[in-house]
Amino acid sequence: GKWSYNWEGPFMVNQVYSKNACVIKEVNSNIASKVINGKYLKYFHERSEY
């Protein structure tokens, strides 16, 4: 909807296969969560604290 988030995460890329398939995992976990096409990934830029 209009007020929902467009992105989930942050995730870390754990492994990259051919054809741009990436295994991602949650930042605070060591368990790989899913395989996703790299074209759907977006870089995460951490905000500095004020």
PDB file of N, CA and C in Angstrom:
ATOM      1  N   GLY A   1       0.803  -1.173   0.000  1.00  0.00           N
ATOM      2  CA  GLY A   1       0.000   0.000   0.000  1.00  0.00           C
ATOM      3  C   GLY A   1       0.860   1.256   0.000  1.00  0.00           C
ATOM      4  N   LYS A   2       0.202   2.364   0.084  1.00  0.00           N
ATOM      5  CA  LYS A   2       0.879   3.656   0.007  1.00  0.00           C
ATOM      6  C   LYS A   2       1.866   3.862   1.146  1.00  0.00           C
ATOM      7  N   TRP A   3       1.569   3.370   2.353  1.00  0.00           N
ATOM      8  CA  TRP A   3       2.414   3.617   3.513  1.00  0.00           C
ATOM      9  C   TRP A   3       3.276   2.421   3.878  1.00  0.00           C
ATOM     10  N   SER A   4       3.305   1.383   3.058  1.00  0.00           N
ATOM     11  CA  SER A   4       4.133   0.214   3.374  1.00  0.00           C
ATOM     12  C   SER A   4       5.550   0.407   2.832  1.00  0.00           C
ATOM     13  N   TYR A   5       6.484  -0.339   3.400  1.00  0.00           N
ATOM     14  CA  TYR A   5       7.871  -0.269   2.960  1.00  0.00           C
ATOM     15  C   TYR A   5       8.027  -0.924   1.599  1.00  0.00           C
ATOM     16  N   ASN A   6       8.920  -0.381   0.765  1.00  0.00           N
ATOM     17  CA  ASN A   6       9.191  -0.962  -0.546  1.00  0.00           C
ATOM     18  C   ASN A   6      10.302  -1.997  -0.490  1.00  0.00           C
ATOM     19  N   TRP A   7      11.066  -2.005   0.601  1.00  0.00           N
ATOM     20  CA  TRP A   7      12.227  -2.879   0.706  1.00  0.00           C
ATOM     21  C   TRP A   7      12.228  -3.615   2.033  1.00  0.00           C
ATOM     22  N   GLU A   8      12.832  -4.797   2.042  1.00  0.00           N
ATOM     23  CA  GLU A   8      13.061  -5.553   3.267  1.00  0.00           C
ATOM     24  C   GLU A   8      14.550  -5.530   3.549  1.00  0.00           C
ATOM     25  N   GLY A   9      14.919  -5.783   4.791  1.00  0.00           N
ATOM     26  CA  GLY A   9      16.339  -5.896   5.065  1.00  0.00           C
ATOM     27  C   GLY A   9      16.757  -5.124   6.284  1.00  0.00           C
ATOM     28  N   PRO A  10      18.024  -4.936   6.473  1.00  0.00           N
ATOM     29  CA  PRO A  10      19.119  -5.216   5.537  1.00  0.00           C
ATOM     30  C   PRO A  10      19.541  -6.684   5.546  1.00  0.00           C
ATOM     31  N   PHE A  11      20.065  -7.128   4.434  1.00  0.00           N
ATOM     32  CA  PHE A  11      20.604  -8.464   4.257  1.00  0.00           C
ATOM     33  C   PHE A  11      22.052  -8.354   3.813  1.00  0.00           C
ATOM     34  N   MET A  12      22.790  -9.433   3.965  1.00  0.00           N
ATOM     35  CA  MET A  12      24.152  -9.523   3.433  1.00  0.00           C
ATOM     36  C   MET A  12      24.159 -10.583   2.348  1.00  0.00           C
ATOM     37  N   VAL A  13      24.905 -10.335   1.282  1.00  0.00           N
ATOM     38  CA  VAL A  13      25.064 -11.333   0.229  1.00  0.00           C
ATOM     39  C   VAL A  13      26.081 -12.348   0.718  1.00  0.00           C
ATOM     40  N   ASN A  14      25.652 -13.595   0.821  1.00  0.00           N
ATOM     41  CA  ASN A  14      26.484 -14.671   1.346  1.00  0.00           C
ATOM     42  C   ASN A  14      27.264 -15.366   0.233  1.00  0.00           C
ATOM     43  N   GLN A  15      26.644 -15.515  -0.930  1.00  0.00           N
ATOM     44  CA  GLN A  15      27.280 -16.212  -2.047  1.00  0.00           C
ATOM     45  C   GLN A  15      26.626 -15.759  -3.347  1.00  0.00           C
ATOM     46  N   VAL A  16      27.402 -15.707  -4.423  1.00  0.00           N
ATOM     47  CA  VAL A  16      26.885 -15.321  -5.738  1.00  0.00           C
ATOM     48  C   VAL A  16      27.138 -16.463  -6.705  1.00  0.00           C
ATOM     49  N   TYR A  17      26.085 -16.892  -7.390  1.00  0.00           N
ATOM     50  CA  TYR A  17      26.178 -17.935  -8.404  1.00  0.00           C
ATOM     51  C   TYR A  17      26.127 -17.302  -9.789  1.00  0.00           C
ATOM     52  N   SER A  18      26.294 -18.121 -10.808  1.00  0.00           N
ATOM     53  CA  SER A  18      26.174 -17.611 -12.174  1.00  0.00           C
ATOM     54  C   SER A  18      24.739 -17.154 -12.428  1.00  0.00           C
ATOM     55  N   LYS A  19      24.560 -16.401 -13.455  1.00  0.00           N
ATOM     56  CA  LYS A  19      23.257 -15.845 -13.835  1.00  0.00           C
ATOM     57  C   LYS A  19      22.719 -14.874 -12.788  1.00  0.00           C
ATOM     58  N   ASN A  20      23.613 -14.284 -11.975  1.00  0.00           N
ATOM     59  CA  ASN A  20      23.246 -13.235 -11.025  1.00  0.00           C
ATOM     60  C   ASN A  20      22.364 -13.717  -9.871  1.00  0.00           C
ATOM     61  N   ALA A  21      22.398 -15.012  -9.551  1.00  0.00           N
ATOM     62  CA  ALA A  21      21.654 -15.541  -8.407  1.00  0.00           C
ATOM     63  C   ALA A  21      22.484 -15.343  -7.148  1.00  0.00           C
ATOM     64  N   CYS A  22      21.889 -14.749  -6.119  1.00  0.00           N
ATOM     65  CA  CYS A  22      22.594 -14.434  -4.877  1.00  0.00           C
ATOM     66  C   CYS A  22      21.918 -15.116  -3.701  1.00  0.00           C
ATOM     67  N   VAL A  23      22.718 -15.712  -2.829  1.00  0.00           N
ATOM     68  CA  VAL A  23      22.216 -16.241  -1.567  1.00  0.00           C
ATOM     69  C   VAL A  23      22.379 -15.128  -0.547  1.00  0.00           C
ATOM     70  N   ILE A  24      21.277 -14.738   0.082  1.00  0.00           N
ATOM     71  CA  ILE A  24      21.335 -13.654   1.057  1.00  0.00           C
ATOM     72  C   ILE A  24      21.016 -14.187   2.449  1.00  0.00           C
ATOM     73  N   LYS A  25      21.516 -13.467   3.455  1.00  0.00           N
ATOM     74  CA  LYS A  25      21.217 -13.821   4.843  1.00  0.00           C
ATOM     75  C   LYS A  25      20.964 -12.547   5.620  1.00  0.00           C
ATOM     76  N   GLU A  26      20.224 -12.674   6.718  1.00  0.00           N
ATOM     77  CA  GLU A  26      19.973 -11.517   7.567  1.00  0.00           C
ATOM     78  C   GLU A  26      21.269 -11.104   8.244  1.00  0.00           C
ATOM     79  N   VAL A  27      21.440  -9.826   8.492  1.00  0.00           N
ATOM     80  CA  VAL A  27      22.678  -9.295   9.055  1.00  0.00           C
ATOM     81  C   VAL A  27      22.988  -9.919  10.412  1.00  0.00           C
ATOM     82  N   ASN A  28      21.985 -10.133  11.248  1.00  0.00           N
ATOM     83  CA  ASN A  28      22.195 -10.643  12.599  1.00  0.00           C
ATOM     84  C   ASN A  28      22.068 -12.157  12.694  1.00  0.00           C
ATOM     85  N   SER A  29      22.184 -12.872  11.582  1.00  0.00           N
ATOM     86  CA  SER A  29      22.027 -14.318  11.575  1.00  0.00           C
ATOM     87  C   SER A  29      23.103 -14.949  10.705  1.00  0.00           C
ATOM     88  N   ASN A  30      23.458 -16.179  11.005  1.00  0.00           N
ATOM     89  CA  ASN A  30      24.410 -16.915  10.174  1.00  0.00           C
ATOM     90  C   ASN A  30      23.709 -17.869   9.224  1.00  0.00           C
ATOM     91  N   ILE A  31      22.393 -17.891   9.246  1.00  0.00           N
ATOM     92  CA  ILE A  31      21.620 -18.813   8.428  1.00  0.00           C
ATOM     93  C   ILE A  31      21.220 -18.125   7.124  1.00  0.00           C
ATOM     94  N   ALA A  32      21.557 -18.753   5.991  1.00  0.00           N
ATOM     95  CA  ALA A  32      21.163 -18.210   4.688  1.00  0.00           C
ATOM     96  C   ALA A  32      19.648 -18.252   4.583  1.00  0.00           C
ATOM     97  N   SER A  33      19.055 -17.163   4.140  1.00  0.00           N
ATOM     98  CA  SER A  33      17.602 -17.090   4.152  1.00  0.00           C
ATOM     99  C   SER A  33      16.957 -17.446   2.816  1.00  0.00           C
ATOM    100  N   LYS A  34      17.506 -16.963   1.709  1.00  0.00           N
ATOM    101  CA  LYS A  34      16.891 -17.274   0.421  1.00  0.00           C
ATOM    102  C   LYS A  34      17.825 -16.947  -0.732  1.00  0.00           C
ATOM    103  N   VAL A  35      17.474 -17.458  -1.899  1.00  0.00           N
ATOM    104  CA  VAL A  35      18.192 -17.159  -3.138  1.00  0.00           C
ATOM    105  C   VAL A  35      17.335 -16.163  -3.910  1.00  0.00           C
ATOM    106  N   ILE A  36      17.971 -15.098  -4.379  1.00  0.00           N
ATOM    107  CA  ILE A  36      17.242 -14.041  -5.076  1.00  0.00           C
ATOM    108  C   ILE A  36      18.088 -13.542  -6.248  1.00  0.00           C
ATOM    109  N   ASN A  37      17.428 -13.076  -7.293  1.00  0.00           N
ATOM    110  CA  ASN A  37      18.133 -12.505  -8.431  1.00  0.00           C
ATOM    111  C   ASN A  37      18.748 -11.173  -8.012  1.00  0.00           C
ATOM    112  N   GLY A  38      20.002 -10.970  -8.356  1.00  0.00           N
ATOM    113  CA  GLY A  38      20.723  -9.769  -7.964  1.00  0.00           C
ATOM    114  C   GLY A  38      20.115  -8.476  -8.464  1.00  0.00           C
ATOM    115  N   LYS A  39      19.322  -8.523  -9.526  1.00  0.00           N
ATOM    116  CA  LYS A  39      18.724  -7.286 -10.037  1.00  0.00           C
ATOM    117  C   LYS A  39      17.683  -6.716  -9.079  1.00  0.00           C
ATOM    118  N   TYR A  40      17.239  -7.517  -8.110  1.00  0.00           N
ATOM    119  CA  TYR A  40      16.268  -7.035  -7.128  1.00  0.00           C
ATOM    120  C   TYR A  40      16.926  -6.540  -5.847  1.00  0.00           C
ATOM    121  N   LEU A  41      18.248  -6.544  -5.790  1.00  0.00           N
ATOM    122  CA  LEU A  41      18.965  -6.083  -4.604  1.00  0.00           C
ATOM    123  C   LEU A  41      19.290  -4.600  -4.728  1.00  0.00           C
ATOM    124  N   LYS A  42      19.352  -3.935  -3.601  1.00  0.00           N
ATOM    125  CA  LYS A  42      19.679  -2.515  -3.552  1.00  0.00           C
ATOM    126  C   LYS A  42      20.710  -2.321  -2.449  1.00  0.00           C
ATOM    127  N   TYR A  43      21.713  -1.478  -2.690  1.00  0.00           N
ATOM    128  CA  TYR A  43      22.738  -1.217  -1.680  1.00  0.00           C
ATOM    129  C   TYR A  43      22.120  -0.545  -0.464  1.00  0.00           C
ATOM    130  N   PHE A  44      22.614  -0.917   0.702  1.00  0.00           N
ATOM    131  CA  PHE A  44      22.176  -0.315   1.959  1.00  0.00           C
ATOM    132  C   PHE A  44      23.227   0.675   2.411  1.00  0.00           C
ATOM    133  N   HIS A  45      22.812   1.902   2.675  1.00  0.00           N
ATOM    134  CA  HIS A  45      23.710   2.942   3.162  1.00  0.00           C
ATOM    135  C   HIS A  45      23.286   3.281   4.582  1.00  0.00           C
ATOM    136  N   GLU A  46      24.127   2.922   5.549  1.00  0.00           N
ATOM    137  CA  GLU A  46      23.800   3.161   6.946  1.00  0.00           C
ATOM    138  C   GLU A  46      23.831   4.655   7.246  1.00  0.00           C
ATOM    139  N   ARG A  47      22.832   5.113   7.972  1.00  0.00           N
ATOM    140  CA  ARG A  47      22.770   6.528   8.342  1.00  0.00           C
ATOM    141  C   ARG A  47      23.658   6.779   9.544  1.00  0.00           C
ATOM    142  N   SER A  48      24.292   7.927   9.555  1.00  0.00           N
ATOM    143  CA  SER A  48      25.120   8.289  10.705  1.00  0.00           C
ATOM    144  C   SER A  48      24.220   8.749  11.846  1.00  0.00           C
ATOM    145  N   GLU A  49      24.689   8.539  13.072  1.00  0.00           N
ATOM    146  CA  GLU A  49      23.934   8.960  14.256  1.00  0.00           C
ATOM    147  C   GLU A  49      24.089  10.461  14.451  1.00  0.00           C
ATOM    148  N   TYR A  50      23.062  11.094  14.932  1.00  0.00           N
ATOM    149  CA  TYR A  50      23.102  12.540  15.174  1.00  0.00           C
ATOM    150  C   TYR A  50      23.408  12.828  16.609  1.00  0.00           C
TER     151      TYR A  50
END
